[in-house]
Protein backbone atom coordinates (compact mmCIF):
# COMPACT_ATOMS: atom_id res chain seq x y z
CA MET A 1 26.39 69.04 47.08
CA ILE A 2 27.69 72.53 47.79
CA PHE A 3 31.06 72.55 49.54
CA THR A 4 32.23 75.29 51.87
CA THR A 5 35.49 76.83 53.03
CA PRO A 6 36.83 76.07 56.52
CA LEU A 7 36.84 78.73 59.24
CA GLN A 8 33.87 80.63 57.81
CA GLN A 9 30.46 81.24 59.36
CA ASN A 10 28.80 78.84 56.92
CA SER A 11 31.48 76.11 57.08
CA ILE A 12 30.48 72.46 57.16
CA LYS A 13 31.97 71.17 60.42
CA ILE A 14 32.78 67.65 61.57
CA MET A 15 33.55 67.03 65.24
CA LEU A 16 35.53 63.86 65.97
CA LEU A 17 34.96 62.46 69.45
CA GLY A 18 38.08 60.33 69.53
CA SER A 19 41.18 61.36 67.58
CA GLY A 20 43.42 58.32 67.17
CA GLU A 21 44.95 57.00 63.96
CA LEU A 22 41.56 56.16 62.44
CA GLY A 23 40.19 59.60 63.28
CA LYS A 24 43.30 61.16 61.75
CA GLU A 25 42.54 59.57 58.37
CA VAL A 26 38.90 60.69 58.61
CA ALA A 27 40.09 64.24 59.31
CA ILE A 28 42.41 64.19 56.28
CA GLU A 29 39.63 62.96 53.99
CA ALA A 30 37.18 65.56 55.33
CA GLN A 31 39.64 68.38 54.77
CA ARG A 32 40.20 67.24 51.20
CA LEU A 33 36.57 68.28 50.65
CA GLY A 34 36.92 71.60 52.43
CA VAL A 35 35.22 70.40 55.60
CA GLU A 36 36.27 72.03 58.86
CA VAL A 37 37.47 69.49 61.44
CA ILE A 38 37.36 69.75 65.23
CA ALA A 39 39.26 66.88 66.85
CA VAL A 40 38.56 65.88 70.45
CA ASP A 41 40.32 63.32 72.62
CA LYS A 42 41.24 62.70 76.24
CA TYR A 43 44.88 63.75 75.72
CA GLU A 44 46.73 66.52 73.91
CA ASN A 45 48.35 66.02 70.50
CA ALA A 46 46.42 62.89 69.58
CA PRO A 47 46.97 61.89 65.92
CA ALA A 48 43.88 63.70 64.53
CA HIS A 49 44.76 66.78 66.58
CA LEU A 50 47.82 67.15 64.37
CA VAL A 51 45.78 67.64 61.18
CA ALA A 52 42.57 69.26 62.46
CA ASN A 53 41.55 72.92 62.31
CA ARG A 54 41.07 72.94 66.09
CA SER A 55 41.62 70.40 68.82
CA TYR A 56 40.55 69.85 72.41
CA ALA A 57 41.49 67.48 75.22
CA ILE A 58 38.55 66.74 77.55
CA ASP A 59 37.05 63.86 79.49
CA MET A 60 34.62 62.59 76.87
CA ARG A 61 32.76 60.59 79.52
CA ASP A 62 31.78 63.89 81.18
CA LYS A 63 28.33 64.73 79.80
CA GLU A 64 28.48 68.43 80.58
CA ALA A 65 32.00 68.86 79.18
CA VAL A 66 30.99 67.20 75.90
CA LEU A 67 27.79 69.23 75.59
CA ALA A 68 29.59 72.48 76.38
CA LEU A 69 32.07 71.82 73.61
CA ILE A 70 29.32 70.88 71.15
CA GLU A 71 27.47 74.11 71.92
CA LYS A 72 30.67 76.11 71.54
CA GLU A 73 31.61 74.62 68.16
CA LYS A 74 28.14 73.85 66.79
CA PRO A 75 29.31 71.06 64.43
CA THR A 76 27.24 70.00 61.43
CA TYR A 77 28.05 66.36 62.19
CA ILE A 78 29.32 64.64 65.37
CA LEU A 79 31.37 61.49 64.74
CA PRO A 80 31.95 59.26 67.79
CA GLU A 81 35.22 57.42 67.14
CA VAL A 82 35.72 55.56 70.44
CA GLU A 83 33.59 53.76 73.03
CA ALA A 84 34.50 55.90 76.05
CA ILE A 85 32.00 58.72 75.41
CA SER A 86 29.03 59.92 77.44
CA ILE A 87 26.06 58.42 75.59
CA ASP A 88 23.78 60.77 77.52
CA ALA A 89 25.60 63.68 75.92
CA LEU A 90 24.95 62.25 72.45
CA PHE A 91 21.23 61.75 73.13
CA GLU A 92 20.99 65.28 74.51
CA ALA A 93 22.88 66.68 71.51
CA GLU A 94 20.32 65.07 69.21
CA THR A 95 17.43 66.62 71.14
CA ARG A 96 19.17 69.98 70.64
CA GLY A 97 19.19 69.45 66.88
CA PHE A 98 22.74 68.19 66.30
CA HIS A 99 23.40 65.32 63.86
CA VAL A 100 25.16 62.38 65.52
CA ILE A 101 26.69 59.78 63.15
CA PRO A 102 25.13 57.32 62.57
CA ASN A 103 22.70 58.29 65.37
CA ALA A 104 22.80 58.27 69.16
CA GLU A 105 20.77 55.08 69.54
CA ALA A 106 23.06 53.20 67.13
CA VAL A 107 26.09 54.37 69.12
CA ASN A 108 24.34 53.31 72.33
CA LYS A 109 23.68 49.83 70.97
CA THR A 110 27.15 49.28 69.51
CA MET A 111 29.42 50.84 72.13
CA ASN A 112 28.20 48.17 74.57
CA ARG A 113 28.59 44.50 73.63
CA LYS A 114 25.50 43.61 75.64
CA ASN A 115 23.27 46.00 73.73
CA ILE A 116 24.45 45.01 70.24
CA ARG A 117 24.45 41.27 70.97
CA VAL A 118 20.90 41.35 72.36
CA PHE A 119 19.79 43.53 69.43
CA ALA A 120 21.35 41.19 66.86
CA ALA A 121 20.37 37.87 68.44
CA GLU A 122 17.00 38.63 70.01
CA THR A 123 15.56 41.62 68.11
CA LEU A 124 16.85 40.73 64.64
CA GLY A 125 17.15 36.97 65.14
CA LEU A 126 20.65 36.75 63.66
CA LYS A 127 22.93 33.73 64.14
CA THR A 128 25.51 34.42 66.86
CA SER A 129 27.63 32.38 69.24
CA GLY A 130 26.08 31.50 72.59
CA PHE A 131 26.58 34.13 75.30
CA ARG A 132 25.96 35.04 78.94
CA PHE A 133 26.38 38.32 80.84
CA VAL A 134 27.93 38.36 84.32
CA LYS A 135 28.80 40.91 86.98
CA THR A 136 30.62 38.88 89.64
CA LEU A 137 33.43 36.35 89.73
CA GLU A 138 31.01 33.70 90.95
CA GLU A 139 28.64 34.40 88.03
CA LEU A 140 31.64 34.20 85.69
CA LYS A 141 32.57 30.77 86.99
CA ILE A 142 28.99 29.53 86.50
CA ALA A 143 28.77 31.01 83.00
CA GLY A 144 32.07 29.39 82.06
CA GLU A 145 30.70 25.99 83.00
CA GLN A 146 27.50 26.68 81.04
CA MET A 147 29.34 27.84 77.91
CA GLY A 148 32.00 25.15 78.17
CA PHE A 149 35.74 25.57 77.72
CA PRO A 150 37.41 27.24 76.02
CA CYS A 151 35.23 30.35 76.21
CA VAL A 152 35.86 34.01 75.36
CA ILE A 153 35.53 36.62 78.11
CA LYS A 154 35.26 40.33 77.32
CA PRO A 155 34.18 43.53 79.12
CA VAL A 156 30.89 44.77 77.69
CA MET A 157 32.63 48.07 76.90
CA SER A 158 36.23 48.23 75.70
CA SER A 159 38.33 48.60 72.54
CA SER A 160 41.45 47.21 70.84
CA GLY A 161 41.19 43.97 72.78
CA HIS A 162 41.75 45.54 76.19
CA GLY A 163 40.39 43.30 78.91
CA GLN A 164 39.68 40.37 76.58
CA SER A 165 40.89 36.82 77.19
CA ILE A 166 40.20 33.17 76.45
CA ALA A 167 39.64 30.86 79.41
CA LYS A 168 40.80 27.43 78.26
CA THR A 169 39.96 25.66 81.52
CA PRO A 170 38.13 26.53 84.76
CA ALA A 171 41.55 27.30 86.26
CA ASP A 172 41.83 30.31 83.93
CA ILE A 173 38.68 32.05 85.19
CA ASP A 174 40.37 34.00 88.00
CA ARG A 175 43.01 35.29 85.58
CA SER A 176 40.36 36.30 83.04
CA TRP A 177 38.52 38.19 85.78
CA GLU A 178 41.68 40.20 86.51
CA ILE A 179 42.42 40.81 82.82
CA ALA A 180 38.89 42.20 82.33
CA LYS A 181 39.75 45.06 84.70
CA GLU A 182 42.10 46.40 81.99
CA ALA A 183 39.10 47.45 79.87
CA ARG A 184 38.98 50.77 78.09
CA GLY A 185 35.48 51.59 79.20
CA ASP A 186 33.19 49.67 81.54
CA ALA A 187 34.38 46.42 83.16
CA SER A 188 31.48 46.22 85.62
CA GLU A 189 29.79 43.65 83.38
CA LEU A 190 31.34 40.96 81.19
CA ILE A 191 30.13 38.90 78.25
CA VAL A 192 31.06 35.23 78.21
CA GLU A 193 30.91 33.83 74.68
CA GLU A 194 30.83 30.32 73.32
CA PHE A 195 34.11 29.61 71.54
CA ILE A 196 33.26 28.99 67.90
CA LYS A 197 35.81 26.74 66.21
CA PHE A 198 35.60 28.88 63.11
CA ASP A 199 37.59 28.45 59.90
CA TYR A 200 38.32 32.18 59.69
CA GLU A 201 36.94 35.56 60.71
CA ILE A 202 36.26 38.62 58.59
CA THR A 203 35.41 42.27 58.77
CA LEU A 204 32.80 43.33 56.21
CA LEU A 205 32.94 47.11 55.81
CA THR A 206 29.37 48.21 55.14
CA VAL A 207 28.66 51.79 54.04
CA ARG A 208 25.20 53.34 54.00
CA ASN A 209 23.35 56.60 53.51
CA GLU A 210 20.30 57.75 51.59
CA MET A 211 22.09 56.75 48.36
CA GLY A 212 22.01 53.09 49.38
CA THR A 213 24.30 50.46 50.93
CA VAL A 214 27.62 49.23 49.51
CA PHE A 215 30.07 46.60 50.72
CA CYS A 216 33.85 46.53 50.51
CA GLU A 217 35.61 43.28 49.68
CA PRO A 218 35.74 41.08 52.82
CA ILE A 219 38.79 41.59 55.02
CA GLY A 220 40.55 38.69 56.69
CA HIS A 221 42.52 39.38 59.84
CA VAL A 222 44.65 37.95 62.61
CA GLN A 223 44.16 39.17 66.15
CA GLN A 224 46.42 38.82 69.16
CA ASP A 225 44.89 39.37 72.60
CA GLY A 226 41.83 40.79 70.85
CA ASP A 227 43.78 43.43 68.90
CA TYR A 228 44.49 43.28 65.17
CA ILE A 229 48.05 42.70 64.00
CA LEU A 230 47.49 41.71 60.34
CA SER A 231 44.68 42.18 57.84
CA TRP A 232 44.27 41.45 54.15
CA GLN A 233 41.75 42.02 51.40
CA PRO A 234 40.02 40.19 49.86
CA MET A 235 39.47 37.24 52.14
CA GLN A 236 38.73 34.25 49.93
CA MET A 237 35.32 32.84 50.83
CA SER A 238 32.50 31.12 49.03
CA HIS A 239 29.82 33.11 47.25
CA GLU A 240 27.21 31.59 49.59
CA ALA A 241 29.05 32.59 52.77
CA LEU A 242 29.74 36.10 51.45
CA LYS A 243 26.08 36.57 50.51
CA LYS A 244 25.03 35.48 54.00
CA ALA A 245 27.47 37.95 55.55
CA GLN A 246 26.20 40.77 53.32
CA ASP A 247 22.58 39.97 54.12
CA ILE A 248 23.29 39.97 57.85
CA ALA A 249 25.35 43.17 57.62
CA LYS A 250 22.57 44.92 55.75
CA ALA A 251 19.94 43.71 58.21
CA VAL A 252 21.82 44.95 61.24
CA THR A 253 22.92 48.28 59.71
CA ASP A 254 19.41 48.91 58.39
CA GLY A 255 18.17 48.17 61.89
CA LEU A 256 20.58 50.72 63.34
CA GLY A 257 19.95 53.29 60.61
CA GLY A 258 21.83 56.51 59.94
CA ARG A 259 24.80 57.36 57.75
CA GLY A 260 28.37 56.18 57.77
CA ILE A 261 30.60 53.13 57.60
CA PHE A 262 30.12 50.11 59.84
CA GLY A 263 32.79 47.50 60.55
CA VAL A 264 30.76 44.29 60.86
CA GLU A 265 32.69 41.29 62.20
CA PHE A 266 31.82 37.66 61.51
CA PHE A 267 33.04 34.15 62.31
CA VAL A 268 32.80 31.77 59.34
CA LYS A 269 32.72 27.98 59.61
CA GLY A 270 32.14 26.27 56.28
CA GLU A 271 29.06 27.96 54.86
CA GLU A 272 27.79 29.07 58.28
CA VAL A 273 28.22 32.74 59.18
CA TYR A 274 27.98 34.01 62.77
CA PHE A 275 27.56 37.69 63.62
CA SER A 276 30.20 38.73 66.18
CA GLU A 277 30.48 42.49 66.68
CA LEU A 278 29.92 45.82 64.97
CA SER A 279 31.58 49.23 65.10
CA PRO A 280 29.66 52.24 63.67
CA ARG A 281 32.84 53.85 62.32
CA PRO A 282 36.02 52.93 60.43
CA HIS A 283 37.59 49.68 61.61
CA ASP A 284 41.26 49.11 62.44
CA THR A 285 41.46 46.07 60.14
CA GLY A 286 40.14 48.34 57.36
CA MET A 287 43.39 50.31 57.24
CA VAL A 288 44.28 47.94 54.40
CA THR A 289 41.82 49.94 52.24
CA LEU A 290 44.33 52.80 52.25
CA ILE A 291 46.15 50.88 49.53
CA THR A 292 43.56 48.53 47.98
CA GLN A 293 40.72 50.91 47.07
CA SER A 294 40.22 54.18 45.17
CA GLN A 295 38.21 55.35 48.20
CA SER A 296 39.53 54.10 51.53
CA GLU A 297 37.17 53.26 54.37
CA PHE A 298 37.87 56.76 55.70
CA ALA A 299 36.97 58.46 52.44
CA LEU A 300 33.82 56.34 52.19
CA HIS A 301 32.87 57.27 55.75
CA VAL A 302 33.14 60.97 54.94
CA ARG A 303 31.18 60.51 51.70
CA ALA A 304 28.44 58.66 53.57
CA VAL A 305 28.28 61.34 56.28
CA LEU A 306 27.95 64.12 53.70
CA GLY A 307 25.29 62.23 51.75
CA LEU A 308 27.49 61.73 48.69
CA PRO A 309 27.51 58.78 46.24
CA LEU A 310 29.38 55.74 47.55
CA ASP A 311 30.93 54.35 44.37
CA PHE A 312 34.57 53.24 44.41
CA THR A 313 37.03 50.98 42.62
CA PHE A 314 38.82 48.04 44.21
CA TYR A 315 42.40 48.27 42.93
CA GLY A 316 43.54 44.80 43.95
CA ALA A 317 44.64 42.55 46.77
CA GLY A 318 46.74 43.87 49.62
CA ALA A 319 47.63 43.60 53.28
CA SER A 320 48.28 45.75 56.33
CA ALA A 321 50.40 44.94 59.37
CA ALA A 322 50.38 46.92 62.60
CA TYR A 323 53.65 48.05 64.16
CA LYS A 324 53.46 48.01 67.96
CA ALA A 325 55.92 49.76 70.24
CA SER A 326 58.54 47.73 72.05
CA SER A 327 59.54 50.51 74.47
CA GLU A 328 58.20 53.28 76.68
CA SER A 329 58.88 56.83 75.49
CA TYR A 330 57.54 60.38 75.78
CA ASN A 331 59.39 61.30 72.59
CA PRO A 332 59.06 58.18 70.45
CA LEU A 333 61.35 57.61 67.50
CA ILE A 334 60.15 55.13 64.88
CA GLU A 335 62.81 53.66 62.60
CA VAL A 336 61.48 52.45 59.24
CA PRO A 337 63.65 50.67 56.63
CA ASN A 338 63.92 52.34 53.22
CA SER A 339 62.72 49.10 51.68
CA ALA A 340 59.25 49.83 53.12
CA PHE A 341 58.84 52.63 50.58
CA ALA A 342 58.70 50.49 47.47
CA LYS A 343 56.54 50.69 44.35
CA ASN A 344 53.84 48.60 45.97
CA SER A 345 54.17 49.52 49.65
CA PHE A 346 54.35 52.34 52.15
CA VAL A 347 54.15 53.02 55.88
CA ARG A 348 51.88 55.38 57.80
CA VAL A 349 53.32 56.64 61.10
CA PHE A 350 50.55 57.82 63.41
CA GLY A 351 52.48 60.51 65.31
CA LYS A 352 51.34 59.50 68.79
CA PRO A 353 53.06 61.64 71.46
CA GLU A 354 53.83 58.69 73.72
CA SER A 355 54.72 55.06 73.13
CA HIS A 356 53.95 52.22 75.50
CA ILE A 357 54.84 48.58 75.02
CA GLY A 358 52.24 47.08 72.72
CA ARG A 359 50.76 50.43 71.61
CA ARG A 360 50.02 50.63 67.88
CA MET A 361 52.30 53.31 66.42
CA ALA A 362 52.32 52.72 62.65
CA VAL A 363 51.01 50.48 59.89
CA ALA A 364 52.72 48.90 56.88
CA LEU A 365 50.65 48.58 53.69
CA VAL A 366 51.40 46.43 50.65
CA LEU A 367 49.56 46.00 47.33
CA ASP A 368 50.19 42.52 45.95
CA GLU A 369 48.71 39.03 45.75
CA VAL A 370 47.35 38.26 49.20
CA GLU A 371 49.93 35.80 50.54
CA SER A 372 52.83 37.83 49.17
CA ALA A 373 51.35 41.08 50.52
CA LYS A 374 50.91 39.53 53.98
CA ALA A 375 54.51 38.28 54.01
CA GLN A 376 55.88 41.64 52.84
CA ALA A 377 53.84 43.63 55.37
CA LEU A 378 55.00 41.42 58.23
CA GLU A 379 58.59 41.67 56.98
CA ILE A 380 58.40 45.46 57.01
CA VAL A 381 57.15 45.70 60.59
CA SER A 382 59.67 43.09 61.73
CA ARG A 383 62.43 45.43 60.53
CA MET A 384 60.97 48.49 62.21
CA SER A 385 62.02 49.60 65.69
CA ASP A 386 61.31 52.30 68.22
CA SER A 387 63.06 54.06 71.04
């Protein structure tokens, strides 16, 4: 591998389409290797904007705006980091010779829950929960009765749990229909999923390029309203269940192809493993790898994109806890206790220009035995505040 210098005619360039806290860490890791970073988002001063060589704020759902920017910057690699992107722009970029990560078709399949669920269940024959797709309130009511209650209702396109709910009884269907309109993306179609009474759920970070496929230790997590609030690594699970998860993750990522890291989510009940969702990029629950591994999920993503070896060392168990804003502010102040900066812990503040109630603003990370790390991480965020 020959590395280049940023801001030169021959520079290796990465364009991030989506520049939140995950994109920020990708940008930092890319720049550590001398890669030039162009960060794009829908608003100014997004977290990755703060550390990139250049930044832009555009409507990423506007095909022509995205293509114009790609032609202007001519990136070596295009990394979609959010769902709300014009997929037509990505397909067109590929026809023009640009390298989309992992590839435009993989992004197309995974940015839409309908596409990835049909691909996993019907094309690959993987075990998933039962599901139906609906477009009207009446169809939703029928699907709820077919799936049984409780059932999980999600927009086919969204992120961070926006628009997701659990209907416990038929009386909840109208409320779920209204909640779905809060989607970040497309709420014109919903997926209604069978509620699996699972023992636990995991994220299995799966990294692939021409060098092969590697897996990080499984990550356990707790979600609230579809958004992660706590994750830990490793999640204790049987060898049989882990092997099933790895086999499924490899099958689906091989089916998608391309380079990069994939956050593959599973429900686990006993020794049974059910494929749930997949993101073709770093995963929010994987922020725990910032403290547990020699190469975080962000570093591994960059290595995979550049075609580098994917070896890394797992340091030990740890946990991450998300800090969410409790106030509205256009000049947010985040107060962090000094105790957060201990020998085995630290905090990452994302630097978002605005805070809204429930918006993720920082993460606490602790390296320790799992239960202790979880308790310490939650204690840190409980003592944080914002204004």
